[in-house]
Each structure stands twice: as structure tokens, then as C-alpha cells.
PDB file of all heavy atoms in Angstrom:
ATOM      1  N   ASP A   1     104.554 101.268 115.518  1.00  0.00           N
ATOM      2  CA  ASP A   1     103.976 100.824 116.784  1.00  0.00           C
ATOM      3  C   ASP A   1     104.633 101.499 117.983  1.00  0.00           C
ATOM      4  O   ASP A   1     104.296 101.205 119.128  1.00  0.00           O
ATOM      5  CB  ASP A   1     104.089  99.309 116.933  1.00  0.00           C
ATOM      6  CG  ASP A   1     105.538  98.825 116.935  1.00  0.00           C
ATOM      7  OD1 ASP A   1     106.426  99.599 116.524  1.00  0.00           O
ATOM      8  OD2 ASP A   1     105.780  97.672 117.338  1.00  0.00           O
ATOM      9  N   ARG A   2     105.558 102.424 117.744  1.00  0.00           N
ATOM     10  CA  ARG A   2     106.188 103.147 118.855  1.00  0.00           C
ATOM     11  C   ARG A   2     105.209 104.181 119.403  1.00  0.00           C
ATOM     12  O   ARG A   2     104.427 104.768 118.640  1.00  0.00           O
ATOM     13  CB  ARG A   2     107.460 103.857 118.404  1.00  0.00           C
ATOM     14  CG  ARG A   2     108.553 102.970 117.800  1.00  0.00           C
ATOM     15  CD  ARG A   2     109.141 102.014 118.814  1.00  0.00           C
ATOM     16  NE  ARG A   2     108.415 100.745 118.882  1.00  0.00           N
ATOM     17  CZ  ARG A   2     108.569  99.852 119.831  1.00  0.00           C
ATOM     18  NH1 ARG A   2     109.411 100.096 120.820  1.00  0.00           N
ATOM     19  NH2 ARG A   2     107.890  98.737 119.820  1.00  0.00           N
ATOM     20  N   PRO A   3     105.233 104.452 120.709  1.00  0.00           N
ATOM     21  CA  PRO A   3     104.305 105.438 121.269  1.00  0.00           C
ATOM     22  C   PRO A   3     104.619 106.851 120.776  1.00  0.00           C
ATOM     23  O   PRO A   3     105.640 107.433 121.136  1.00  0.00           O
ATOM     24  CB  PRO A   3     104.546 105.327 122.783  1.00  0.00           C
ATOM     25  CG  PRO A   3     105.205 104.012 122.985  1.00  0.00           C
ATOM     26  CD  PRO A   3     106.015 103.764 121.765  1.00  0.00           C
ATOM     27  N   ASN A   4     103.769 107.380 119.926  1.00  0.00           N
ATOM     28  CA  ASN A   4     103.888 108.747 119.426  1.00  0.00           C
ATOM     29  C   ASN A   4     102.492 109.351 119.321  1.00  0.00           C
ATOM     30  O   ASN A   4     101.518 108.632 119.089  1.00  0.00           O
ATOM     31  CB  ASN A   4     104.562 108.780 118.050  1.00  0.00           C
ATOM     32  CG  ASN A   4     106.053 108.526 118.129  1.00  0.00           C
ATOM     33  OD1 ASN A   4     106.830 109.379 118.516  1.00  0.00           O
ATOM     34  ND2 ASN A   4     106.463 107.317 117.745  1.00  0.00           N
ATOM     35  N   ASP A   5     102.393 110.664 119.459  1.00  0.00           N
ATOM     36  CA  ASP A   5     101.090 111.316 119.371  1.00  0.00           C
ATOM     37  C   ASP A   5     100.522 111.228 117.961  1.00  0.00           C
ATOM     38  O   ASP A   5      99.342 110.939 117.776  1.00  0.00           O
ATOM     39  CB  ASP A   5     101.205 112.785 119.788  1.00  0.00           C
ATOM     40  CG  ASP A   5     101.494 112.926 121.264  1.00  0.00           C
ATOM     41  OD1 ASP A   5     100.620 112.570 122.071  1.00  0.00           O
ATOM     42  OD2 ASP A   5     102.599 113.368 121.619  1.00  0.00           O
ATOM     43  N   ILE A   6     101.365 111.506 116.967  1.00  0.00           N
ATOM     44  CA  ILE A   6     100.946 111.462 115.563  1.00  0.00           C
ATOM     45  C   ILE A   6     101.920 110.576 114.806  1.00  0.00           C
ATOM     46  O   ILE A   6     103.136 110.773 114.871  1.00  0.00           O
ATOM     47  CB  ILE A   6     100.936 112.872 114.941  1.00  0.00           C
ATOM     48  CG1 ILE A   6      99.995 113.804 115.705  1.00  0.00           C
ATOM     49  CG2 ILE A   6     100.544 112.808 113.468  1.00  0.00           C
ATOM     50  CD1 ILE A   6     100.092 115.265 115.276  1.00  0.00           C
ATOM     51  N   THR A   7     101.392 109.592 114.097  1.00  0.00           N
ATOM     52  CA  THR A   7     102.217 108.691 113.301  1.00  0.00           C
ATOM     53  C   THR A   7     101.648 108.619 111.892  1.00  0.00           C
ATOM     54  O   THR A   7     100.446 108.415 111.711  1.00  0.00           O
ATOM     55  CB  THR A   7     102.260 107.282 113.908  1.00  0.00           C
ATOM     56  OG1 THR A   7     102.762 107.356 115.252  1.00  0.00           O
ATOM     57  CG2 THR A   7     103.159 106.364 113.104  1.00  0.00           C
ATOM     58  N   LEU A   8     102.512 108.779 110.902  1.00  0.00           N
ATOM     59  CA  LEU A   8     102.126 108.667 109.495  1.00  0.00           C
ATOM     60  C   LEU A   8     102.841 107.455 108.916  1.00  0.00           C
ATOM     61  O   LEU A   8     104.080 107.399 108.898  1.00  0.00           O
ATOM     62  CB  LEU A   8     102.490 109.941 108.736  1.00  0.00           C
ATOM     63  CG  LEU A   8     101.687 111.176 109.158  1.00  0.00           C
ATOM     64  CD1 LEU A   8     102.350 112.464 108.683  1.00  0.00           C
ATOM     65  CD2 LEU A   8     100.264 111.088 108.615  1.00  0.00           C
ATOM     66  N   VAL A   9     102.062 106.468 108.456  1.00  0.00           N
ATOM     67  CA  VAL A   9     102.606 105.183 108.027  1.00  0.00           C
ATOM     68  C   VAL A   9     102.351 104.994 106.535  1.00  0.00           C
ATOM     69  O   VAL A   9     101.200 105.061 106.079  1.00  0.00           O
ATOM     70  CB  VAL A   9     101.962 104.023 108.813  1.00  0.00           C
ATOM     71  CG1 VAL A   9     102.556 102.691 108.368  1.00  0.00           C
ATOM     72  CG2 VAL A   9     102.167 104.216 110.307  1.00  0.00           C
ATOM     73  N   ALA A  10     103.407 104.753 105.784  1.00  0.00           N
ATOM     74  CA  ALA A  10     103.282 104.572 104.337  1.00  0.00           C
ATOM     75  C   ALA A  10     102.520 103.293 104.019  1.00  0.00           C
ATOM     76  O   ALA A  10     102.721 102.253 104.644  1.00  0.00           O
ATOM     77  CB  ALA A  10     104.664 104.538 103.684  1.00  0.00           C
ATOM     78  N   ALA A  11     101.634 103.392 103.039  1.00  0.00           N
ATOM     79  CA  ALA A  11     100.842 102.245 102.592  1.00  0.00           C
ATOM     80  C   ALA A  11     100.438 102.484 101.146  1.00  0.00           C
ATOM     81  O   ALA A  11     100.584 103.590 100.620  1.00  0.00           O
ATOM     82  CB  ALA A  11      99.604 102.075 103.463  1.00  0.00           C
ATOM     83  N   GLU A  12      99.965 101.426 100.504  1.00  0.00           N
ATOM     84  CA  GLU A  12      99.454 101.558  99.136  1.00  0.00           C
ATOM     85  C   GLU A  12      97.941 101.565  99.162  1.00  0.00           C
ATOM     86  O   GLU A  12      97.314 100.684  99.758  1.00  0.00           O
ATOM     87  CB  GLU A  12      99.966 100.415  98.266  1.00  0.00           C
ATOM     88  CG  GLU A  12     101.369 100.630  97.735  1.00  0.00           C
ATOM     89  CD  GLU A  12     101.702  99.687  96.579  1.00  0.00           C
ATOM     90  OE1 GLU A  12     101.023  99.770  95.534  1.00  0.00           O
ATOM     91  OE2 GLU A  12     102.619  98.876  96.750  1.00  0.00           O
ATOM     92  N   VAL A  13      97.344 102.557  98.550  1.00  0.00           N
ATOM     93  CA  VAL A  13      95.898 102.647  98.399  1.00  0.00           C
ATOM     94  C   VAL A  13      95.597 102.803  96.917  1.00  0.00           C
ATOM     95  O   VAL A  13      95.998 103.793  96.299  1.00  0.00           O
ATOM     96  CB  VAL A  13      95.321 103.833  99.199  1.00  0.00           C
ATOM     97  CG1 VAL A  13      93.831 103.970  98.921  1.00  0.00           C
ATOM     98  CG2 VAL A  13      95.566 103.651 100.694  1.00  0.00           C
ATOM     99  N   ASP A  14      94.937 101.788  96.345  1.00  0.00           N
ATOM    100  CA  ASP A  14      94.612 101.805  94.915  1.00  0.00           C
ATOM    101  C   ASP A  14      95.860 102.046  94.067  1.00  0.00           C
ATOM    102  O   ASP A  14      95.838 102.817  93.101  1.00  0.00           O
ATOM    103  CB  ASP A  14      93.561 102.877  94.625  1.00  0.00           C
ATOM    104  CG  ASP A  14      92.251 102.613  95.354  1.00  0.00           C
ATOM    105  OD1 ASP A  14      91.934 101.429  95.575  1.00  0.00           O
ATOM    106  OD2 ASP A  14      91.571 103.581  95.722  1.00  0.00           O
ATOM    107  N   GLY A  15      96.958 101.384  94.452  1.00  0.00           N
ATOM    108  CA  GLY A  15      98.197 101.493  93.687  1.00  0.00           C
ATOM    109  C   GLY A  15      98.981 102.757  93.927  1.00  0.00           C
ATOM    110  O   GLY A  15     100.033 102.956  93.316  1.00  0.00           O
ATOM    111  N   GLN A  16      98.529 103.613  94.827  1.00  0.00           N
ATOM    112  CA  GLN A  16      99.201 104.882  95.100  1.00  0.00           C
ATOM    113  C   GLN A  16      99.817 104.838  96.498  1.00  0.00           C
ATOM    114  O   GLN A  16      99.181 104.410  97.455  1.00  0.00           O
ATOM    115  CB  GLN A  16      98.201 106.040  95.018  1.00  0.00           C
ATOM    116  CG  GLN A  16      98.786 107.396  95.382  1.00  0.00           C
ATOM    117  CD  GLN A  16      97.735 108.495  95.378  1.00  0.00           C
ATOM    118  OE1 GLN A  16      96.571 108.244  95.061  1.00  0.00           O
ATOM    119  NE2 GLN A  16      98.136 109.699  95.730  1.00  0.00           N
ATOM    120  N   VAL A  17     101.057 105.289  96.599  1.00  0.00           N
ATOM    121  CA  VAL A  17     101.701 105.354  97.904  1.00  0.00           C
ATOM    122  C   VAL A  17     101.198 106.583  98.646  1.00  0.00           C
ATOM    123  O   VAL A  17     101.239 107.704  98.129  1.00  0.00           O
ATOM    124  CB  VAL A  17     103.232 105.411  97.767  1.00  0.00           C
ATOM    125  CG1 VAL A  17     103.880 105.603  99.150  1.00  0.00           C
ATOM    126  CG2 VAL A  17     103.758 104.134  97.132  1.00  0.00           C
ATOM    127  N   CYS A  18     100.695 106.348  99.834  1.00  0.00           N
ATOM    128  CA  CYS A  18     100.192 107.437 100.664  1.00  0.00           C
ATOM    129  C   CYS A  18     100.671 107.204 102.088  1.00  0.00           C
ATOM    130  O   CYS A  18     101.416 106.269 102.357  1.00  0.00           O
ATOM    131  CB  CYS A  18      98.671 107.469 100.618  1.00  0.00           C
ATOM    132  SG  CYS A  18      97.923 105.973 101.324  1.00  0.00           S
ATOM    133  N   LEU A  19     100.243 108.060 103.001  1.00  0.00           N
ATOM    134  CA  LEU A  19     100.566 107.873 104.413  1.00  0.00           C
ATOM    135  C   LEU A  19      99.287 107.832 105.215  1.00  0.00           C
ATOM    136  O   LEU A  19      98.458 108.739 105.130  1.00  0.00           O
ATOM    137  CB  LEU A  19     101.486 108.987 104.913  1.00  0.00           C
ATOM    138  CG  LEU A  19     102.919 108.831 104.365  1.00  0.00           C
ATOM    139  CD1 LEU A  19     103.243 109.983 103.443  1.00  0.00           C
ATOM    140  CD2 LEU A  19     103.935 108.752 105.486  1.00  0.00           C
ATOM    141  N   ARG A  20      99.104 106.756 105.968  1.00  0.00           N
ATOM    142  CA  ARG A  20      97.922 106.591 106.802  1.00  0.00           C
ATOM    143  C   ARG A  20      98.132 107.333 108.120  1.00  0.00           C
ATOM    144  O   ARG A  20      99.183 107.237 108.744  1.00  0.00           O
ATOM    145  CB  ARG A  20      97.682 105.113 107.100  1.00  0.00           C
ATOM    146  CG  ARG A  20      97.479 104.244 105.878  1.00  0.00           C
ATOM    147  CD  ARG A  20      96.062 104.250 105.385  1.00  0.00           C
ATOM    148  NE  ARG A  20      95.123 103.646 106.314  1.00  0.00           N
ATOM    149  CZ  ARG A  20      94.005 103.029 105.919  1.00  0.00           C
ATOM    150  NH1 ARG A  20      93.715 102.949 104.634  1.00  0.00           N
ATOM    151  NH2 ARG A  20      93.166 102.512 106.807  1.00  0.00           N
ATOM    152  N   LEU A  21      97.115 108.057 108.545  1.00  0.00           N
ATOM    153  CA  LEU A  21      97.192 108.837 109.774  1.00  0.00           C
ATOM    154  C   LEU A  21      96.820 107.968 110.975  1.00  0.00           C
ATOM    155  O   LEU A  21      95.730 107.398 111.032  1.00  0.00           O
ATOM    156  CB  LEU A  21      96.260 110.038 109.692  1.00  0.00           C
ATOM    157  CG  LEU A  21      96.119 110.873 110.978  1.00  0.00           C
ATOM    158  CD1 LEU A  21      97.457 111.498 111.364  1.00  0.00           C
ATOM    159  CD2 LEU A  21      95.044 111.946 110.792  1.00  0.00           C
ATOM    160  N   HIS A  22      97.725 107.885 111.924  1.00  0.00           N
ATOM    161  CA  HIS A  22      97.499 107.196 113.194  1.00  0.00           C
ATOM    162  C   HIS A  22      97.635 108.222 114.322  1.00  0.00           C
ATOM    163  O   HIS A  22      98.506 109.098 114.278  1.00  0.00           O
ATOM    164  CB  HIS A  22      98.528 106.076 113.418  1.00  0.00           C
ATOM    165  CG  HIS A  22      98.414 104.939 112.452  1.00  0.00           C
ATOM    166  ND1 HIS A  22      98.605 105.078 111.094  1.00  0.00           N
ATOM    167  CD2 HIS A  22      98.143 103.622 112.657  1.00  0.00           C
ATOM    168  CE1 HIS A  22      98.453 103.896 110.510  1.00  0.00           C
ATOM    169  NE2 HIS A  22      98.179 103.003 111.431  1.00  0.00           N
ATOM    170  N   LEU A  23      96.773 108.097 115.332  1.00  0.00           N
ATOM    171  CA  LEU A  23      96.806 109.013 116.472  1.00  0.00           C
ATOM    172  C   LEU A  23      96.811 108.227 117.771  1.00  0.00           C
ATOM    173  O   LEU A  23      96.214 107.147 117.866  1.00  0.00           O
ATOM    174  CB  LEU A  23      95.586 109.948 116.449  1.00  0.00           C
ATOM    175  CG  LEU A  23      95.490 110.925 115.273  1.00  0.00           C
ATOM    176  CD1 LEU A  23      94.146 111.651 115.301  1.00  0.00           C
ATOM    177  CD2 LEU A  23      96.631 111.931 115.302  1.00  0.00           C
ATOM    178  N   SER A  24      97.478 108.795 118.764  1.00  0.00           N
ATOM    179  CA  SER A  24      97.504 108.179 120.083  1.00  0.00           C
ATOM    180  C   SER A  24      96.240 108.585 120.821  1.00  0.00           C
ATOM    181  O   SER A  24      96.108 109.722 121.284  1.00  0.00           O
ATOM    182  CB  SER A  24      98.736 108.641 120.863  1.00  0.00           C
ATOM    183  OG  SER A  24      98.762 108.082 122.152  1.00  0.00           O
ATOM    184  N   MET A  25      95.292 107.655 120.937  1.00  0.00           N
ATOM    185  CA  MET A  25      93.987 107.975 121.504  1.00  0.00           C
ATOM    186  C   MET A  25      93.698 107.221 122.794  1.00  0.00           C
ATOM    187  O   MET A  25      92.682 107.454 123.437  1.00  0.00           O
ATOM    188  CB  MET A  25      92.883 107.669 120.481  1.00  0.00           C
ATOM    189  CG  MET A  25      92.948 108.553 119.247  1.00  0.00           C
ATOM    190  SD  MET A  25      91.588 108.265 118.088  1.00  0.00           S
ATOM    191  CE  MET A  25      92.206 106.859 117.167  1.00  0.00           C
ATOM    192  N   GLY A  26      94.570 106.308 123.169  1.00  0.00           N
ATOM    193  CA  GLY A  26      94.295 105.483 124.345  1.00  0.00           C
ATOM    194  C   GLY A  26      95.011 105.984 125.573  1.00  0.00           C
ATOM    195  O   GLY A  26      95.210 107.181 125.769  1.00  0.00           O
ATOM    196  N   GLN A  27      95.410 105.039 126.413  1.00  0.00           N
ATOM    197  CA  GLN A  27      96.124 105.371 127.628  1.00  0.00           C
ATOM    198  C   GLN A  27      97.619 105.465 127.348  1.00  0.00           C
ATOM    199  O   GLN A  27      98.094 105.178 126.249  1.00  0.00           O
ATOM    200  CB  GLN A  27      95.845 104.298 128.695  1.00  0.00           C
ATOM    201  CG  GLN A  27      94.386 104.171 129.086  1.00  0.00           C
ATOM    202  CD  GLN A  27      93.819 105.464 129.663  1.00  0.00           C
ATOM    203  OE1 GLN A  27      94.447 106.106 130.504  1.00  0.00           O
ATOM    204  NE2 GLN A  27      92.630 105.857 129.197  1.00  0.00           N
ATOM    205  N   ARG A  28      98.334 105.890 128.353  1.00  0.00           N
ATOM    206  CA  ARG A  28      99.785 106.021 128.241  1.00  0.00           C
ATOM    207  C   ARG A  28     100.405 104.707 127.783  1.00  0.00           C
ATOM    208  O   ARG A  28     100.194 103.665 128.379  1.00  0.00           O
ATOM    209  CB  ARG A  28     100.345 106.424 129.605  1.00  0.00           C
ATOM    210  CG  ARG A  28     101.840 106.656 129.684  1.00  0.00           C
ATOM    211  CD  ARG A  28     102.168 107.211 131.053  1.00  0.00           C
ATOM    212  NE  ARG A  28     103.582 107.477 131.218  1.00  0.00           N
ATOM    213  CZ  ARG A  28     104.424 106.692 131.872  1.00  0.00           C
ATOM    214  NH1 ARG A  28     103.963 105.575 132.418  1.00  0.00           N
ATOM    215  NH2 ARG A  28     105.704 107.006 131.995  1.00  0.00           N
ATOM    216  N   GLY A  29     101.179 104.773 126.688  1.00  0.00           N
ATOM    217  CA  GLY A  29     101.856 103.591 126.180  1.00  0.00           C
ATOM    218  C   GLY A  29     101.061 102.775 125.184  1.00  0.00           C
ATOM    219  O   GLY A  29     101.602 101.851 124.579  1.00  0.00           O
ATOM    220  N   ASP A  30      99.756 103.091 124.982  1.00  0.00           N
ATOM    221  CA  ASP A  30      98.959 102.341 124.008  1.00  0.00           C
ATOM    222  C   ASP A  30      99.452 102.610 122.593  1.00  0.00           C
ATOM    223  O   ASP A  30      99.986 103.685 122.291  1.00  0.00           O
ATOM    224  CB  ASP A  30      97.484 102.723 124.112  1.00  0.00           C
ATOM    225  CG  ASP A  30      96.795 102.124 125.322  1.00  0.00           C
ATOM    226  OD1 ASP A  30      97.445 101.310 126.006  1.00  0.00           O
ATOM    227  OD2 ASP A  30      95.639 102.470 125.584  1.00  0.00           O
ATOM    228  N   LEU A  31      99.241 101.645 121.710  1.00  0.00           N
ATOM    229  CA  LEU A  31      99.678 101.793 120.333  1.00  0.00           C
ATOM    230  C   LEU A  31      98.872 102.883 119.635  1.00  0.00           C
ATOM    231  O   LEU A  31      97.674 103.057 119.898  1.00  0.00           O
ATOM    232  CB  LEU A  31      99.504 100.477 119.579  1.00  0.00           C
ATOM    233  CG  LEU A  31     100.271  99.265 120.099  1.00  0.00           C
ATOM    234  CD1 LEU A  31     100.041  98.083 119.184  1.00  0.00           C
ATOM    235  CD2 LEU A  31     101.754  99.564 120.203  1.00  0.00           C
ATOM    236  N   PRO A  32      99.502 103.634 118.717  1.00  0.00           N
ATOM    237  CA  PRO A  32      98.746 104.589 117.910  1.00  0.00           C
ATOM    238  C   PRO A  32      97.671 103.854 117.098  1.00  0.00           C
ATOM    239  O   PRO A  32      97.892 102.734 116.631  1.00  0.00           O
ATOM    240  CB  PRO A  32      99.809 105.197 116.990  1.00  0.00           C
ATOM    241  CG  PRO A  32     101.116 104.908 117.648  1.00  0.00           C
ATOM    242  CD  PRO A  32     100.932 103.624 118.385  1.00  0.00           C
ATOM    243  N   GLN A  33      96.517 104.485 116.939  1.00  0.00           N
ATOM    244  CA  GLN A  33      95.390 103.841 116.257  1.00  0.00           C
ATOM    245  C   GLN A  33      95.179 104.438 114.872  1.00  0.00           C
ATOM    246  O   GLN A  33      95.226 105.658 114.679  1.00  0.00           O
ATOM    247  CB  GLN A  33      94.118 104.007 117.092  1.00  0.00           C
ATOM    248  CG  GLN A  33      94.201 103.326 118.454  1.00  0.00           C
ATOM    249  CD  GLN A  33      92.934 103.493 119.261  1.00  0.00           C
ATOM    250  OE1 GLN A  33      91.840 103.532 118.722  1.00  0.00           O
ATOM    251  NE2 GLN A  33      93.073 103.605 120.577  1.00  0.00           N
ATOM    252  N   ASP A  34      94.928 103.559 113.913  1.00  0.00           N
ATOM    253  CA  ASP A  34      94.692 103.970 112.532  1.00  0.00           C
ATOM    254  C   ASP A  34      93.350 104.706 112.447  1.00  0.00           C
ATOM    255  O   ASP A  34      92.314 104.188 112.876  1.00  0.00           O
ATOM    256  CB  ASP A  34      94.679 102.728 111.639  1.00  0.00           C
ATOM    257  CG  ASP A  34      94.553 103.060 110.157  1.00  0.00           C
ATOM    258  OD1 ASP A  34      94.632 104.251 109.797  1.00  0.00           O
ATOM    259  OD2 ASP A  34      94.385 102.117 109.368  1.00  0.00           O
ATOM    260  N   THR A  35      93.356 105.904 111.892  1.00  0.00           N
ATOM    261  CA  THR A  35      92.123 106.686 111.760  1.00  0.00           C
ATOM    262  C   THR A  35      91.341 106.334 110.503  1.00  0.00           C
ATOM    263  O   THR A  35      90.205 106.787 110.335  1.00  0.00           O
ATOM    264  CB  THR A  35      92.441 108.189 111.716  1.00  0.00           C
ATOM    265  OG1 THR A  35      93.212 108.470 110.532  1.00  0.00           O
ATOM    266  CG2 THR A  35      93.202 108.623 112.955  1.00  0.00           C
ATOM    267  N   GLY A  36      91.948 105.549 109.596  1.00  0.00           N
ATOM    268  CA  GLY A  36      91.293 105.252 108.330  1.00  0.00           C
ATOM    269  C   GLY A  36      91.444 106.361 107.309  1.00  0.00           C
ATOM    270  O   GLY A  36      90.876 106.293 106.216  1.00  0.00           O
ATOM    271  N   LEU A  37      92.227 107.385 107.624  1.00  0.00           N
ATOM    272  CA  LEU A  37      92.448 108.512 106.717  1.00  0.00           C
ATOM    273  C   LEU A  37      93.863 108.462 106.168  1.00  0.00           C
ATOM    274  O   LEU A  37      94.781 107.963 106.820  1.00  0.00           O
ATOM    275  CB  LEU A  37      92.233 109.836 107.453  1.00  0.00           C
ATOM    276  CG  LEU A  37      90.868 110.032 108.107  1.00  0.00           C
ATOM    277  CD1 LEU A  37      90.850 111.334 108.902  1.00  0.00           C
ATOM    278  CD2 LEU A  37      89.768 110.041 107.058  1.00  0.00           C
ATOM    279  N   TRP A  38      94.030 109.010 104.954  1.00  0.00           N
ATOM    280  CA  TRP A  38      95.362 109.034 104.383  1.00  0.00           C
ATOM    281  C   TRP A  38      95.616 110.353 103.687  1.00  0.00           C
ATOM    282  O   TRP A  38      94.704 111.109 103.384  1.00  0.00           O
ATOM    283  CB  TRP A  38      95.574 107.854 103.430  1.00  0.00           C
ATOM    284  CG  TRP A  38      94.602 107.742 102.293  1.00  0.00           C
ATOM    285  CD1 TRP A  38      93.378 107.158 102.313  1.00  0.00           C
ATOM    286  CD2 TRP A  38      94.794 108.223 100.952  1.00  0.00           C
ATOM    287  NE1 TRP A  38      92.775 107.234 101.081  1.00  0.00           N
ATOM    288  CE2 TRP A  38      93.625 107.885 100.229  1.00  0.00           C
ATOM    289  CE3 TRP A  38      95.823 108.890 100.297  1.00  0.00           C
ATOM    290  CZ2 TRP A  38      93.470 108.198  98.871  1.00  0.00           C
ATOM    291  CZ3 TRP A  38      95.667 109.199  98.947  1.00  0.00           C
ATOM    292  CH2 TRP A  38      94.501 108.846  98.253  1.00  0.00           C
ATOM    293  N   ILE A  39      96.893 110.594 103.470  1.00  0.00           N
ATOM    294  CA  ILE A  39      97.337 111.867 102.906  1.00  0.00           C
ATOM    295  C   ILE A  39      98.439 111.579 101.902  1.00  0.00           C
ATOM    296  O   ILE A  39      99.197 110.615 102.044  1.00  0.00           O
ATOM    297  CB  ILE A  39      97.854 112.806 104.016  1.00  0.00           C
ATOM    298  CG1 ILE A  39      98.092 114.223 103.505  1.00  0.00           C
ATOM    299  CG2 ILE A  39      99.115 112.276 104.656  1.00  0.00           C
ATOM    300  CD1 ILE A  39      97.019 115.173 103.890  1.00  0.00           C
ATOM    301  N   GLU A  40      98.520 112.388 100.869  1.00  0.00           N
ATOM    302  CA  GLU A  40      99.617 112.233  99.914  1.00  0.00           C
ATOM    303  C   GLU A  40     100.902 112.790 100.534  1.00  0.00           C
ATOM    304  O   GLU A  40     100.862 113.724 101.337  1.00  0.00           O
ATOM    305  CB  GLU A  40      99.284 112.949  98.609  1.00  0.00           C
ATOM    306  CG  GLU A  40      98.099 112.317  97.882  1.00  0.00           C
ATOM    307  CD  GLU A  40      97.826 112.961  96.533  1.00  0.00           C
ATOM    308  OE1 GLU A  40      98.678 113.737  96.068  1.00  0.00           O
ATOM    309  OE2 GLU A  40      96.760 112.677  95.950  1.00  0.00           O
ATOM    310  N   PRO A  41     102.047 112.211 100.167  1.00  0.00           N
ATOM    311  CA  PRO A  41     103.302 112.612 100.808  1.00  0.00           C
ATOM    312  C   PRO A  41     103.566 114.117 100.786  1.00  0.00           C
ATOM    313  O   PRO A  41     104.027 114.680 101.783  1.00  0.00           O
ATOM    314  CB  PRO A  41     104.369 111.840 100.017  1.00  0.00           C
ATOM    315  CG  PRO A  41     103.655 110.609  99.550  1.00  0.00           C
ATOM    316  CD  PRO A  41     102.249 111.070  99.242  1.00  0.00           C
ATOM    317  N   GLN A  42     103.250 114.783  99.676  1.00  0.00           N
ATOM    318  CA  GLN A  42     103.542 116.213  99.582  1.00  0.00           C
ATOM    319  C   GLN A  42     102.654 117.066 100.487  1.00  0.00           C
ATOM    320  O   GLN A  42     102.931 118.248 100.698  1.00  0.00           O
ATOM    321  CB  GLN A  42     103.403 116.702  98.126  1.00  0.00           C
ATOM    322  CG  GLN A  42     101.999 116.668  97.565  1.00  0.00           C
ATOM    323  CD  GLN A  42     101.657 115.355  96.884  1.00  0.00           C
ATOM    324  OE1 GLN A  42     102.322 114.338  97.139  1.00  0.00           O
ATOM    325  NE2 GLN A  42     100.664 115.371  96.006  1.00  0.00           N
ATOM    326  N   ASP A  43     101.602 116.460 101.036  1.00  0.00           N
ATOM    327  CA  ASP A  43     100.685 117.210 101.906  1.00  0.00           C
ATOM    328  C   ASP A  43     100.895 116.902 103.385  1.00  0.00           C
ATOM    329  O   ASP A  43     100.120 117.358 104.231  1.00  0.00           O
ATOM    330  CB  ASP A  43      99.229 116.889 101.514  1.00  0.00           C
ATOM    331  CG  ASP A  43      98.883 117.361 100.108  1.00  0.00           C
ATOM    332  OD1 ASP A  43      99.384 118.416  99.706  1.00  0.00           O
ATOM    333  OD2 ASP A  43      98.115 116.653  99.425  1.00  0.00           O
ATOM    334  N   CYS A  44     101.940 116.145 103.708  1.00  0.00           N
ATOM    335  CA  CYS A  44     102.157 115.738 105.098  1.00  0.00           C
ATOM    336  C   CYS A  44     102.415 116.931 106.011  1.00  0.00           C
ATOM    337  O   CYS A  44     101.867 117.001 107.118  1.00  0.00           O
ATOM    338  CB  CYS A  44     103.336 114.770 105.178  1.00  0.00           C
ATOM    339  SG  CYS A  44     102.915 113.077 104.736  1.00  0.00           S
ATOM    340  N   ILE A  45     103.255 117.845 105.592  1.00  0.00           N
ATOM    341  CA  ILE A  45     103.606 118.965 106.467  1.00  0.00           C
ATOM    342  C   ILE A  45     102.397 119.870 106.706  1.00  0.00           C
ATOM    343  O   ILE A  45     102.134 120.232 107.866  1.00  0.00           O
ATOM    344  CB  ILE A  45     104.805 119.748 105.903  1.00  0.00           C
ATOM    345  CG1 ILE A  45     106.012 118.817 105.729  1.00  0.00           C
ATOM    346  CG2 ILE A  45     105.161 120.910 106.833  1.00  0.00           C
ATOM    347  CD1 ILE A  45     106.403 118.043 106.969  1.00  0.00           C
TER     348      ILE A  45
END
């Protein structure tokens, strides 16, 4: 919930640990918003 442009948050999807993509899309200081997309840890970079 810290103000960052790109935030990747670990979560479980169908028993698999992944990272949910959050982006800062609002005004200054708004919380990053979940895009509904996820990525496997090895593909983060």
C-alpha cells in the first residue's frame, strides 16, 4: 500500500505463488491499483 509506480505483490493463484501487478494510476499519493494480472517470480525482471 506504499506509494510506488509499480508494485508486485505475492499471492496464491490456483495453489501457485505468483506476483500480482499493481500500478499507480490515480492522483499523487493514491494507493497502487491491482491490474488483475500476475506473473511468475522468475519472469518479474
